[in-house]
C-alpha atoms as a PDB file:
ATOM      1  CA  MET A   1     -12.709 -11.555 -24.421  1.00  0.00           C
ATOM      2  CA  ILE A   2     -10.464 -14.539 -24.811  1.00  0.00           C
ATOM      3  CA  ASN A   3     -10.937 -17.075 -21.429  1.00  0.00           C
ATOM      4  CA  TYR A   4      -7.750 -19.189 -20.753  1.00  0.00           C
ATOM      5  CA  HIS A   5      -7.818 -22.395 -18.630  1.00  0.00           C
ATOM      6  CA  LYS A   6      -6.237 -22.271 -15.804  1.00  0.00           C
ATOM      7  CA  LYS A   7      -4.199 -26.022 -16.207  1.00  0.00           C
ATOM      8  CA  VAL A   8      -1.550 -24.864 -17.264  1.00  0.00           C
ATOM      9  CA  PHE A   9       1.936 -25.466 -17.030  1.00  0.00           C
ATOM     10  CA  PHE A  10       5.152 -23.730 -16.139  1.00  0.00           C
ATOM     11  CA  LEU A  11       8.685 -24.281 -16.728  1.00  0.00           C
ATOM     12  CA  ASN A  12      10.779 -23.727 -13.807  1.00  0.00           C
ATOM     13  CA  LYS A  13      14.243 -25.168 -14.345  1.00  0.00           C
ATOM     14  CA  ILE A  14      16.607 -25.358 -17.335  1.00  0.00           C
ATOM     15  CA  SER A  15      20.037 -27.049 -16.507  1.00  0.00           C
ATOM     16  CA  ILE A  16      22.993 -26.863 -19.195  1.00  0.00           C
ATOM     17  CA  LYS A  17      25.643 -29.694 -18.890  1.00  0.00           C
ATOM     18  CA  LYS A  18      28.998 -29.498 -20.994  1.00  0.00           C
ATOM     19  CA  ILE A  19      30.118 -32.325 -22.225  1.00  0.00           C
ATOM     20  CA  ASN A  20      33.203 -30.883 -24.394  1.00  0.00           C
ATOM     21  CA  TYR A  21      33.468 -27.393 -26.020  1.00  0.00           C
ATOM     22  CA  PHE A  22      31.700 -27.976 -29.090  1.00  0.00           C
ATOM     23  CA  ARG A  23      29.114 -30.306 -27.733  1.00  0.00           C
ATOM     24  CA  TYR A  24      26.103 -29.208 -24.484  1.00  0.00           C
ATOM     25  CA  LEU A  25      23.421 -31.045 -23.208  1.00  0.00           C
ATOM     26  CA  ILE A  26      20.400 -28.791 -21.940  1.00  0.00           C
ATOM     27  CA  LYS A  27      17.455 -30.128 -19.832  1.00  0.00           C
ATOM     28  CA  ILE A  28      14.476 -28.167 -19.671  1.00  0.00           C
ATOM     29  CA  GLU A  29      11.683 -29.038 -16.933  1.00  0.00           C
ATOM     30  CA  PRO A  30       8.770 -30.097 -15.939  1.00  0.00           C
ATOM     31  CA  PHE A  31       6.305 -30.370 -18.827  1.00  0.00           C
ATOM     32  CA  LEU A  32       2.867 -31.399 -17.579  1.00  0.00           C
ATOM     33  CA  ASN A  33       1.167 -31.219 -21.163  1.00  0.00           C
ATOM     34  CA  THR A  34       1.592 -33.606 -24.576  1.00  0.00           C
ATOM     35  CA  PHE A  35       2.717 -31.023 -26.676  1.00  0.00           C
ATOM     36  CA  ILE A  36       6.628 -31.346 -25.815  1.00  0.00           C
ATOM     37  CA  ASP A  37       7.312 -33.233 -28.835  1.00  0.00           C
ATOM     38  CA  SER A  38       6.044 -30.415 -30.846  1.00  0.00           C
ATOM     39  CA  PHE A  39       7.662 -28.189 -29.129  1.00  0.00           C
ATOM     40  CA  GLY A  40      11.021 -29.824 -29.503  1.00  0.00           C
ATOM     41  CA  ASN A  41      10.648 -30.207 -32.809  1.00  0.00           C
ATOM     42  CA  PHE A  42      10.012 -26.192 -33.001  1.00  0.00           C
ATOM     43  CA  LEU A  43      12.874 -25.448 -30.775  1.00  0.00           C
ATOM     44  CA  LYS A  44      14.930 -27.450 -32.972  1.00  0.00           C
ATOM     45  CA  ARG A  45      14.064 -25.730 -36.300  1.00  0.00           C
ATOM     46  CA  CYS A  46      14.581 -22.233 -34.629  1.00  0.00           C
ATOM     47  CA  LEU A  47      18.091 -23.419 -33.762  1.00  0.00           C
ATOM     48  CA  PHE A  48      18.941 -23.830 -37.156  1.00  0.00           C
ATOM     49  CA  LEU A  49      17.528 -20.410 -38.246  1.00  0.00           C
ATOM     50  CA  THR A  50      19.244 -18.301 -35.709  1.00  0.00           C
ATOM     51  CA  SER A  51      22.688 -20.060 -35.718  1.00  0.00           C
ATOM     52  CA  PHE A  52      24.794 -17.620 -37.015  1.00  0.00           C
ATOM     53  CA  GLY A  53      28.575 -17.387 -37.623  1.00  0.00           C
ATOM     54  CA  TYR A  54      31.291 -15.999 -40.135  1.00  0.00           C
ATOM     55  CA  LYS A  55      31.785 -17.272 -43.710  1.00  0.00           C
ATOM     56  CA  ILE A  56      34.178 -16.535 -46.879  1.00  0.00           C
ATOM     57  CA  SER A  57      32.029 -15.093 -49.332  1.00  0.00           C
ATOM     58  CA  HIS A  58      34.108 -13.720 -52.205  1.00  0.00           C
ATOM     59  CA  ILE A  59      36.886 -15.237 -53.330  1.00  0.00           C
ATOM     60  CA  LYS A  60      39.379 -13.948 -56.189  1.00  0.00           C
ATOM     61  CA  PHE A  61      42.285 -15.763 -57.641  1.00  0.00           C
ATOM     62  CA  TYR A  62      45.206 -13.848 -60.022  1.00  0.00           C
ATOM     63  CA  ASN A  63      44.206 -14.139 -63.548  1.00  0.00           C
ATOM     64  CA  ILE A  64      41.521 -16.896 -63.647  1.00  0.00           C
ATOM     65  CA  TYR A  65      37.965 -15.994 -64.763  1.00  0.00           C
ATOM     66  CA  SER A  66      36.416 -19.262 -64.465  1.00  0.00           C
ATOM     67  CA  GLU A  67      35.549 -21.746 -61.406  1.00  0.00           C
ATOM     68  CA  TYR A  68      36.556 -24.314 -64.411  1.00  0.00           C
ATOM     69  CA  SER A  69      40.342 -23.100 -65.135  1.00  0.00           C
ATOM     70  CA  ASN A  70      43.414 -24.306 -63.847  1.00  0.00           C
ATOM     71  CA  ILE A  71      46.043 -22.318 -62.211  1.00  0.00           C
ATOM     72  CA  LYS A  72      49.657 -22.893 -63.784  1.00  0.00           C
ATOM     73  CA  GLY A  73      51.585 -24.935 -61.149  1.00  0.00           C
ATOM     74  CA  VAL A  74      48.680 -26.195 -58.728  1.00  0.00           C
ATOM     75  CA  LEU A  75      47.751 -29.403 -58.442  1.00  0.00           C
ATOM     76  CA  GLU A  76      44.062 -28.747 -57.673  1.00  0.00           C
ATOM     77  CA  ASP A  77      41.242 -27.406 -59.744  1.00  0.00           C
ATOM     78  CA  THR A  78      39.468 -24.056 -58.926  1.00  0.00           C
ATOM     79  CA  TYR A  79      36.311 -25.211 -58.041  1.00  0.00           C
ATOM     80  CA  ILE A  80      38.216 -28.037 -55.686  1.00  0.00           C
ATOM     81  CA  ILE A  81      40.223 -25.321 -54.414  1.00  0.00           C
ATOM     82  CA  ILE A  82      37.128 -23.460 -53.493  1.00  0.00           C
ATOM     83  CA  GLU A  83      35.254 -26.106 -51.951  1.00  0.00           C
ATOM     84  CA  ASN A  84      38.366 -26.422 -49.674  1.00  0.00           C
ATOM     85  CA  ILE A  85      38.346 -22.521 -48.689  1.00  0.00           C
ATOM     86  CA  LYS A  86      34.456 -23.365 -47.910  1.00  0.00           C
ATOM     87  CA  LYS A  87      35.730 -25.634 -45.175  1.00  0.00           C
ATOM     88  CA  ILE A  88      37.850 -22.891 -43.246  1.00  0.00           C
ATOM     89  CA  ILE A  89      35.861 -22.673 -39.981  1.00  0.00           C
ATOM     90  CA  LEU A  90      36.752 -18.724 -38.539  1.00  0.00           C
ATOM     91  CA  LYS A  91      36.023 -16.147 -36.667  1.00  0.00           C
ATOM     92  CA  ILE A  92      35.941 -12.179 -36.560  1.00  0.00           C
ATOM     93  CA  HIS A  93      37.031 -10.500 -33.720  1.00  0.00           C
ATOM     94  CA  ASN A  94      34.602  -7.470 -32.814  1.00  0.00           C
ATOM     95  CA  ASN A  95      33.747  -6.811 -36.190  1.00  0.00           C
ATOM     96  CA  PHE A  96      31.105  -8.232 -39.587  1.00  0.00           C
ATOM     97  CA  PHE A  97      33.859  -8.226 -42.176  1.00  0.00           C
ATOM     98  CA  ALA A  98      37.214  -8.634 -43.345  1.00  0.00           C
ATOM     99  CA  ASN A  99      39.402  -9.080 -46.043  1.00  0.00           C
ATOM    100  CA  LEU A 100      41.592 -12.067 -46.395  1.00  0.00           C
ATOM    101  CA  ILE A 101      44.981 -12.812 -48.450  1.00  0.00           C
ATOM    102  CA  ILE A 102      46.968 -15.704 -49.218  1.00  0.00           C
ATOM    103  CA  LYS A 103      50.051 -15.040 -51.324  1.00  0.00           C
ATOM    104  CA  LYS A 104      52.741 -18.232 -51.103  1.00  0.00           C
ATOM    105  CA  LYS A 105      55.379 -19.094 -53.365  1.00  0.00           C
ATOM    106  CA  GLY A 106      55.579 -22.866 -53.964  1.00  0.00           C
ATOM    107  CA  PRO A 107      56.427 -25.587 -54.068  1.00  0.00           C
ATOM    108  CA  CYS A 108      54.655 -25.956 -50.714  1.00  0.00           C
ATOM    109  CA  ILE A 109      51.230 -27.082 -49.548  1.00  0.00           C
ATOM    110  CA  ILE A 110      48.828 -24.085 -48.639  1.00  0.00           C
ATOM    111  CA  THR A 111      47.057 -24.389 -45.592  1.00  0.00           C
ATOM    112  CA  ALA A 112      44.485 -22.190 -43.711  1.00  0.00           C
ATOM    113  CA  LYS A 113      47.540 -21.091 -41.004  1.00  0.00           C
ATOM    114  CA  ASP A 114      49.166 -19.327 -44.596  1.00  0.00           C
ATOM    115  CA  ILE A 115      46.008 -16.649 -44.603  1.00  0.00           C
ATOM    116  CA  PHE A 116      46.427 -13.044 -43.322  1.00  0.00           C
ATOM    117  CA  SER A 117      43.715 -10.640 -42.381  1.00  0.00           C
ATOM    118  CA  ASN A 118      43.232  -6.634 -41.824  1.00  0.00           C
ATOM    119  CA  LYS A 119      41.299  -7.890 -38.694  1.00  0.00           C
ATOM    120  CA  LYS A 120      41.841  -9.619 -35.966  1.00  0.00           C
ATOM    121  CA  ILE A 121      40.631 -13.510 -37.163  1.00  0.00           C
ATOM    122  CA  SER A 122      41.096 -16.949 -34.872  1.00  0.00           C
ATOM    123  CA  ILE A 123      41.249 -19.821 -37.589  1.00  0.00           C
ATOM    124  CA  LEU A 124      39.545 -23.291 -35.777  1.00  0.00           C
ATOM    125  CA  ASN A 125      41.426 -25.705 -38.510  1.00  0.00           C
ATOM    126  CA  PRO A 126      44.797 -23.781 -39.578  1.00  0.00           C
ATOM    127  CA  ASN A 127      45.788 -27.125 -40.694  1.00  0.00           C
ATOM    128  CA  GLN A 128      43.455 -27.598 -43.412  1.00  0.00           C
ATOM    129  CA  ILE A 129      44.793 -27.774 -46.570  1.00  0.00           C
ATOM    130  CA  ILE A 130      43.646 -25.439 -49.444  1.00  0.00           C
ATOM    131  CA  ALA A 131      45.636 -26.073 -52.235  1.00  0.00           C
ATOM    132  CA  ASN A 132      48.929 -28.194 -53.554  1.00  0.00           C
ATOM    133  CA  VAL A 133      51.672 -26.013 -55.021  1.00  0.00           C
ATOM    134  CA  ASN A 134      53.871 -27.938 -57.284  1.00  0.00           C
ATOM    135  CA  SER A 135      56.417 -25.509 -58.954  1.00  0.00           C
ATOM    136  CA  HIS A 136      57.873 -22.429 -58.550  1.00  0.00           C
ATOM    137  CA  VAL A 137      54.907 -20.000 -58.767  1.00  0.00           C
ATOM    138  CA  ILE A 138      53.178 -17.906 -56.671  1.00  0.00           C
ATOM    139  CA  PHE A 139      50.152 -18.787 -55.507  1.00  0.00           C
ATOM    140  CA  PHE A 140      47.783 -15.604 -54.602  1.00  0.00           C
ATOM    141  CA  VAL A 141      44.251 -15.255 -53.997  1.00  0.00           C
ATOM    142  CA  ILE A 142      41.920 -12.381 -51.897  1.00  0.00           C
ATOM    143  CA  MET A 143      38.939 -13.119 -49.547  1.00  0.00           C
ATOM    144  CA  LYS A 144      35.961 -11.346 -47.854  1.00  0.00           C
ATOM    145  CA  CYS A 145      34.766 -12.777 -44.888  1.00  0.00           C
ATOM    146  CA  SER A 146      31.405 -11.806 -43.763  1.00  0.00           C
ATOM    147  CA  HIS A 147      28.884 -12.641 -40.721  1.00  0.00           C
ATOM    148  CA  SER A 148      26.024 -15.134 -42.218  1.00  0.00           C
ATOM    149  CA  SER A 149      23.254 -12.868 -41.253  1.00  0.00           C
ATOM    150  CA  PHE A 150      24.119 -10.675 -43.881  1.00  0.00           C
ATOM    151  CA  LYS A 151      22.666 -11.041 -46.787  1.00  0.00           C
ATOM    152  CA  ILE A 152      25.770 -11.695 -49.823  1.00  0.00           C
ATOM    153  CA  ILE A 153      25.607  -9.347 -52.982  1.00  0.00           C
ATOM    154  CA  GLU A 154      28.077  -8.557 -55.186  1.00  0.00           C
ATOM    155  CA  ASP A 155      30.904  -6.230 -53.610  1.00  0.00           C
ATOM    156  CA  TYR A 156      32.324  -3.957 -56.533  1.00  0.00           C
ATOM    157  CA  ASN A 157      35.269  -2.338 -54.494  1.00  0.00           C
ATOM    158  CA  PHE A 158      36.003  -6.194 -53.528  1.00  0.00           C
ATOM    159  CA  ASN A 159      35.835  -6.358 -57.567  1.00  0.00           C
ATOM    160  CA  ASN A 160      38.450  -3.846 -58.344  1.00  0.00           C
ATOM    161  CA  SER A 161      40.946  -4.537 -55.245  1.00  0.00           C
ATOM    162  CA  ILE A 162      44.314  -5.536 -56.262  1.00  0.00           C
ATOM    163  CA  PHE A 163      44.275  -6.982 -59.617  1.00  0.00           C
ATOM    164  CA  ASN A 164      41.398  -7.638 -61.824  1.00  0.00           C
ATOM    165  CA  SER A 165      39.961 -11.288 -61.779  1.00  0.00           C
ATOM    166  CA  LYS A 166      36.755 -12.884 -61.432  1.00  0.00           C
ATOM    167  CA  THR A 167      35.039 -12.508 -58.314  1.00  0.00           C
ATOM    168  CA  PHE A 168      33.629 -15.810 -57.334  1.00  0.00           C
ATOM    169  CA  ILE A 169      30.545 -15.269 -54.727  1.00  0.00           C
ATOM    170  CA  ILE A 170      29.742 -17.877 -52.208  1.00  0.00           C
ATOM    171  CA  LYS A 171      26.131 -18.144 -51.318  1.00  0.00           C
ATOM    172  CA  THR A 172      25.504 -21.186 -49.975  1.00  0.00           C
ATOM    173  CA  PHE A 173      27.068 -21.816 -46.367  1.00  0.00           C
ATOM    174  CA  ASN A 174      27.490 -24.651 -44.098  1.00  0.00           C
ATOM    175  CA  PHE A 175      25.691 -24.885 -40.829  1.00  0.00           C
ATOM    176  CA  GLU A 176      27.504 -23.759 -37.386  1.00  0.00           C
ATOM    177  CA  LEU A 177      25.554 -26.545 -35.845  1.00  0.00           C
ATOM    178  CA  ILE A 178      26.833 -29.874 -36.755  1.00  0.00           C
ATOM    179  CA  ASN A 179      24.103 -31.968 -34.824  1.00  0.00           C
ATOM    180  CA  VAL A 180      20.988 -30.878 -32.702  1.00  0.00           C
ATOM    181  CA  ASN A 181      18.967 -33.857 -31.329  1.00  0.00           C
ATOM    182  CA  TYR A 182      16.381 -33.822 -28.860  1.00  0.00           C
ATOM    183  CA  TYR A 183      14.327 -36.800 -26.797  1.00  0.00           C
ATOM    184  CA  ILE A 184      11.779 -36.794 -24.034  1.00  0.00           C
ATOM    185  CA  LYS A 185      11.774 -38.686 -20.805  1.00  0.00           C
ATOM    186  CA  LYS A 186       8.995 -39.453 -18.438  1.00  0.00           C
ATOM    187  CA  LYS A 187       9.636 -39.133 -14.841  1.00  0.00           C
ATOM    188  CA  TYR A 188       9.190 -42.709 -13.190  1.00  0.00           C
ATOM    189  CA  PHE A 189       6.795 -42.285 -10.710  1.00  0.00           C
ATOM    190  CA  ASN A 190       4.604 -39.657 -12.856  1.00  0.00           C
ATOM    191  CA  LYS A 191       4.233 -40.458 -16.249  1.00  0.00           C
ATOM    192  CA  ASN A 192       2.150 -37.315 -16.927  1.00  0.00           C
ATOM    193  CA  ILE A 193       5.790 -35.321 -16.104  1.00  0.00           C
ATOM    194  CA  LYS A 194       8.426 -35.416 -18.726  1.00  0.00           C
ATOM    195  CA  LYS A 195      11.723 -33.695 -19.386  1.00  0.00           C
ATOM    196  CA  LEU A 196      13.103 -32.429 -22.793  1.00  0.00           C
ATOM    197  CA  PHE A 197      16.811 -33.028 -23.140  1.00  0.00           C
ATOM    198  CA  PHE A 198      18.454 -31.150 -26.290  1.00  0.00           C
ATOM    199  CA  ASP A 199      22.386 -32.452 -27.400  1.00  0.00           C
ATOM    200  CA  ILE A 200      23.584 -29.833 -29.156  1.00  0.00           C
ATOM    201  CA  GLU A 201      26.952 -29.739 -31.562  1.00  0.00           C
ATOM    202  CA  THR A 202      28.558 -27.001 -32.962  1.00  0.00           C
ATOM    203  CA  ASN A 203      31.701 -26.299 -35.053  1.00  0.00           C
ATOM    204  CA  GLY A 204      33.311 -24.408 -32.419  1.00  0.00           C
ATOM    205  CA  ILE A 205      32.643 -20.953 -33.720  1.00  0.00           C
ATOM    206  CA  TYR A 206      30.460 -20.406 -30.567  1.00  0.00           C
ATOM    207  CA  ASN A 207      29.385 -22.627 -28.360  1.00  0.00           C
ATOM    208  CA  SER A 208      26.069 -24.791 -27.939  1.00  0.00           C
ATOM    209  CA  GLU A 209      25.103 -22.404 -24.761  1.00  0.00           C
ATOM    210  CA  TYR A 210      25.335 -19.470 -26.980  1.00  0.00           C
ATOM    211  CA  TYR A 211      23.413 -20.734 -29.817  1.00  0.00           C
ATOM    212  CA  PHE A 212      20.638 -21.845 -27.303  1.00  0.00           C
ATOM    213  CA  LYS A 213      20.271 -18.120 -25.797  1.00  0.00           C
ATOM    214  CA  THR A 214      20.547 -16.648 -29.127  1.00  0.00           C
ATOM    215  CA  SER A 215      17.521 -18.801 -30.478  1.00  0.00           C
ATOM    216  CA  ILE A 216      15.393 -17.635 -27.245  1.00  0.00           C
ATOM    217  CA  TYR A 217      16.021 -14.064 -27.694  1.00  0.00           C
ATOM    218  CA  TYR A 218      14.631 -14.201 -31.463  1.00  0.00           C
ATOM    219  CA  LEU A 219      11.881 -16.212 -30.219  1.00  0.00           C
ATOM    220  CA  LYS A 220      10.861 -13.490 -27.269  1.00  0.00           C
ATOM    221  CA  LYS A 221      11.063 -11.071 -29.820  1.00  0.00           C
ATOM    222  CA  TYR A 222       8.889 -13.129 -32.031  1.00  0.00           C
ATOM    223  CA  PHE A 223       6.171 -13.493 -29.343  1.00  0.00           C
ATOM    224  CA  ASP A 224       6.512 -10.593 -27.689  1.00  0.00           C
ATOM    225  CA  THR A 225       5.025  -8.870 -31.119  1.00  0.00           C
ATOM    226  CA  LEU A 226       2.303 -11.204 -30.996  1.00  0.00           C
ATOM    227  CA  PHE A 227       1.401 -11.164 -27.222  1.00  0.00           C
ATOM    228  CA  SER A 228       0.910  -6.973 -28.042  1.00  0.00           C
ATOM    229  CA  TYR A 229      -2.004  -8.142 -30.044  1.00  0.00           C
ATOM    230  CA  PHE A 230      -3.770  -9.039 -27.381  1.00  0.00           C
ATOM    231  CA  ASN A 231      -3.151  -5.781 -24.805  1.00  0.00           C
ATOM    232  CA  TYR A 232      -1.386  -7.577 -22.420  1.00  0.00           C
ATOM    233  CA  LYS A 233      -0.943  -5.318 -19.408  1.00  0.00           C
ATOM    234  CA  LYS A 234       0.449  -6.176 -15.730  1.00  0.00           C
ATOM    235  CA  LYS A 235      -1.887  -3.663 -14.036  1.00  0.00           C
ATOM    236  CA  GLU A 236      -5.288  -5.794 -15.389  1.00  0.00           C
ATOM    237  CA  ILE A 237      -3.883  -9.003 -13.965  1.00  0.00           C
ATOM    238  CA  VAL A 238      -2.906  -7.540 -10.443  1.00  0.00           C
ATOM    239  CA  LYS A 239      -6.851  -6.333 -10.310  1.00  0.00           C
ATOM    240  CA  GLU A 240      -7.588  -9.980 -10.876  1.00  0.00           C
ATOM    241  CA  ASN A 241      -5.473 -10.878  -7.453  1.00  0.00           C
ATOM    242  CA  TYR A 242      -4.622 -14.340  -9.151  1.00  0.00           C
ATOM    243  CA  ILE A 243      -1.035 -15.409  -8.575  1.00  0.00           C
ATOM    244  CA  PHE A 244      -0.461 -19.094 -10.180  1.00  0.00           C
ATOM    245  CA  LYS A 245       2.691 -20.766  -8.615  1.00  0.00           C
ATOM    246  CA  ILE A 246       3.493 -24.425  -8.488  1.00  0.00           C
ATOM    247  CA  ASN A 247       4.810 -25.641  -5.152  1.00  0.00           C
ATOM    248  CA  PRO A 248       8.251 -28.001  -6.314  1.00  0.00           C
ATOM    249  CA  LEU A 249       6.855 -30.172  -3.073  1.00  0.00           C
ATOM    250  CA  PHE A 250       4.183 -31.355  -4.965  1.00  0.00           C
ATOM    251  CA  LEU A 251       5.981 -32.708  -7.786  1.00  0.00           C
ATOM    252  CA  ARG A 252       8.148 -35.146  -5.904  1.00  0.00           C
ATOM    253  CA  SER A 253       7.425 -38.856  -5.304  1.00  0.00           C
ATOM    254  CA  ILE A 254       6.002 -39.726  -2.004  1.00  0.00           C
ATOM    255  CA  ASP A 255       9.042 -42.315  -1.458  1.00  0.00           C
ATOM    256  CA  ASN A 256      10.276 -38.764   0.146  1.00  0.00           C
ATOM    257  CA  LEU A 257       7.717 -39.069   2.979  1.00  0.00           C
ATOM    258  CA  GLY A 258       9.719 -41.869   4.423  1.00  0.00           C
ATOM    259  CA  LEU A 259       5.959 -44.140   4.820  1.00  0.00           C
ATOM    260  CA  SER A 260       6.423 -47.559   5.364  1.00  0.00           C
ATOM    261  CA  ILE A 261       7.197 -50.277   2.437  1.00  0.00           C
ATOM    262  CA  ARG A 262       2.897 -51.594   3.284  1.00  0.00           C
ATOM    263  CA  SER A 263       1.376 -48.033   2.966  1.00  0.00           C
ATOM    264  CA  SER A 264       3.660 -46.588   0.132  1.00  0.00           C
ATOM    265  CA  ASN A 265       2.934 -49.856  -2.162  1.00  0.00           C
ATOM    266  CA  CYS A 266      -0.869 -49.404  -1.091  1.00  0.00           C
ATOM    267  CA  LEU A 267      -0.707 -46.042  -2.730  1.00  0.00           C
ATOM    268  CA  LYS A 268       1.119 -46.957  -5.693  1.00  0.00           C
ATOM    269  CA  TYR A 269      -1.030 -49.700  -6.469  1.00  0.00           C
ATOM    270  CA  ASN A 270      -3.690 -47.090  -6.394  1.00  0.00           C
ATOM    271  CA  ASN A 271      -1.643 -44.952  -9.330  1.00  0.00           C
ATOM    272  CA  ILE A 272      -0.873 -42.141  -6.293  1.00  0.00           C
ATOM    273  CA  TYR A 273       2.752 -41.380  -6.950  1.00  0.00           C
ATOM    274  CA  SER A 274       3.656 -38.068  -6.601  1.00  0.00           C
ATOM    275  CA  ILE A 275       2.722 -35.908  -2.709  1.00  0.00           C
ATOM    276  CA  GLY A 276       0.389 -33.617  -4.579  1.00  0.00           C
ATOM    277  CA  ASP A 277      -1.643 -36.615  -5.690  1.00  0.00           C
ATOM    278  CA  LEU A 278      -1.693 -38.027  -2.206  1.00  0.00           C
ATOM    279  CA  ILE A 279      -2.621 -34.493  -0.676  1.00  0.00           C
ATOM    280  CA  LYS A 280      -5.507 -34.150  -3.352  1.00  0.00           C
ATOM    281  CA  LYS A 281      -7.126 -37.436  -1.942  1.00  0.00           C
ATOM    282  CA  SER A 282      -9.234 -37.469   1.429  1.00  0.00           C
ATOM    283  CA  GLU A 283      -9.254 -39.750   4.578  1.00  0.00           C
ATOM    284  CA  SER A 284     -12.770 -41.474   3.321  1.00  0.00           C
ATOM    285  CA  ASP A 285     -10.913 -41.765  -0.281  1.00  0.00           C
ATOM    286  CA  LEU A 286      -8.001 -43.276   1.449  1.00  0.00           C
ATOM    287  CA  LEU A 287      -9.644 -45.622   3.406  1.00  0.00           C
ATOM    288  CA  GLN A 288     -11.095 -47.351   0.599  1.00  0.00           C
ATOM    289  CA  ILE A 289      -8.122 -48.540  -0.333  1.00  0.00           C
ATOM    290  CA  PRO A 290      -7.723 -52.178  -0.165  1.00  0.00           C
ATOM    291  CA  LYS A 291      -5.300 -53.079   2.341  1.00  0.00           C
ATOM    292  CA  LEU A 292      -4.683 -49.611   3.895  1.00  0.00           C
ATOM    293  CA  GLY A 293      -6.315 -49.146   7.419  1.00  0.00           C
ATOM    294  CA  TYR A 294      -6.399 -46.593  10.444  1.00  0.00           C
ATOM    295  CA  LYS A 295      -2.605 -46.869  11.359  1.00  0.00           C
ATOM    296  CA  SER A 296      -1.669 -46.471   7.600  1.00  0.00           C
ATOM    297  CA  LEU A 297      -3.563 -43.373   7.411  1.00  0.00           C
ATOM    298  CA  PHE A 298      -2.432 -41.991  10.924  1.00  0.00           C
ATOM    299  CA  GLU A 299       1.250 -42.643   9.467  1.00  0.00           C
ATOM    300  CA  ILE A 300       0.151 -40.197   6.359  1.00  0.00           C
ATOM    301  CA  LYS A 301      -1.262 -37.724   8.698  1.00  0.00           C
ATOM    302  CA  ASN A 302       1.558 -37.440  10.298  1.00  0.00           C
ATOM    303  CA  VAL A 303       4.013 -37.485   7.855  1.00  0.00           C
ATOM    304  CA  LEU A 304       2.215 -34.596   6.111  1.00  0.00           C
ATOM    305  CA  PHE A 305       1.768 -32.680   9.408  1.00  0.00           C
ATOM    306  CA  LYS A 306       5.436 -32.628   9.966  1.00  0.00           C
ATOM    307  CA  LYS A 307       5.981 -30.949   6.011  1.00  0.00           C
ATOM    308  CA  SER A 308       2.955 -28.233   6.907  1.00  0.00           C
ATOM    309  CA  LEU A 309       0.690 -30.051   4.372  1.00  0.00           C
ATOM    310  CA  ASN A 310      -3.029 -31.941   5.023  1.00  0.00           C
ATOM    311  CA  LEU A 311      -5.206 -33.972   3.261  1.00  0.00           C
ATOM    312  CA  ASN A 312      -8.242 -33.130   1.029  1.00  0.00           C
ATOM    313  CA  THR A 313      -6.149 -29.704  -0.264  1.00  0.00           C
ATOM    314  CA  LYS A 314      -7.780 -28.392  -3.385  1.00  0.00           C
ATOM    315  CA  ILE A 315      -5.208 -28.043  -6.145  1.00  0.00           C
ATOM    316  CA  ASP A 316      -5.946 -25.947  -9.139  1.00  0.00           C
ATOM    317  CA  TYR A 317      -4.118 -27.721 -11.984  1.00  0.00           C
ATOM    318  CA  GLU A 318      -3.009 -31.084 -12.641  1.00  0.00           C
ATOM    319  CA  ILE A 319       0.062 -32.724 -11.665  1.00  0.00           C
END
């Protein structure tokens, strides 16, 4: 039987602020423990591992059999065209795979908006330049777009479709998350209480809130498997008749009590910043504070009484 300490923390608030469609700021609070930095780094890694999107995985050019070959009448080399195609950001609606085709006669500039598909797709950067055709030739390329959660393997149906040329398989994908940063902020009235902020920026296939919820979903699935090892049952928890809750009023500053400046400064000088710190003290503890007399004590008791609180209250967890 494993015994757990009662001094734990509960996250009781997650707020999400939208800066723009590509960037969100997520705040998680409160943390009463010192491993908030480890948790932030862990969640950051999970965000990168569970961020999926859509990428072009197969490319086939007409009459091209090597990435080092040149397409007649096209300014760029083949491998440069492949790199330009990899920069295209697109999304397939209600499907995981789609076939794409570009067929255009030059001279012209080939961009992402020249792509046609057998499925409903959205291209987020339609002005992305793919190639520059400087003569009267037909630029002909077919592609396959796949969801990045699938393993990229050779597709024989795609190899034998339309025309016979070498199929270039792209296995290196760019991350859908452009930037993920986290930072920690301490509350000014109690340095033990901390907030965790995540600054998440995406390429636009999905917004940051979607990727954050996806990572939490996968974390829950993995940890449910780990918790099943301990055979947690709801009935056993009810038998213990132990319900652990944190009163959010205890985490507030003593400035919310409306005390006089003298009483407030005396308490802060003795490291009593929150209401939870105050109600744990007894009358004798407060009278031992320098410059805090009976008048200030009566003032504190009256203010706490109005909020249905008393001195010398027992709290089983750290504030």
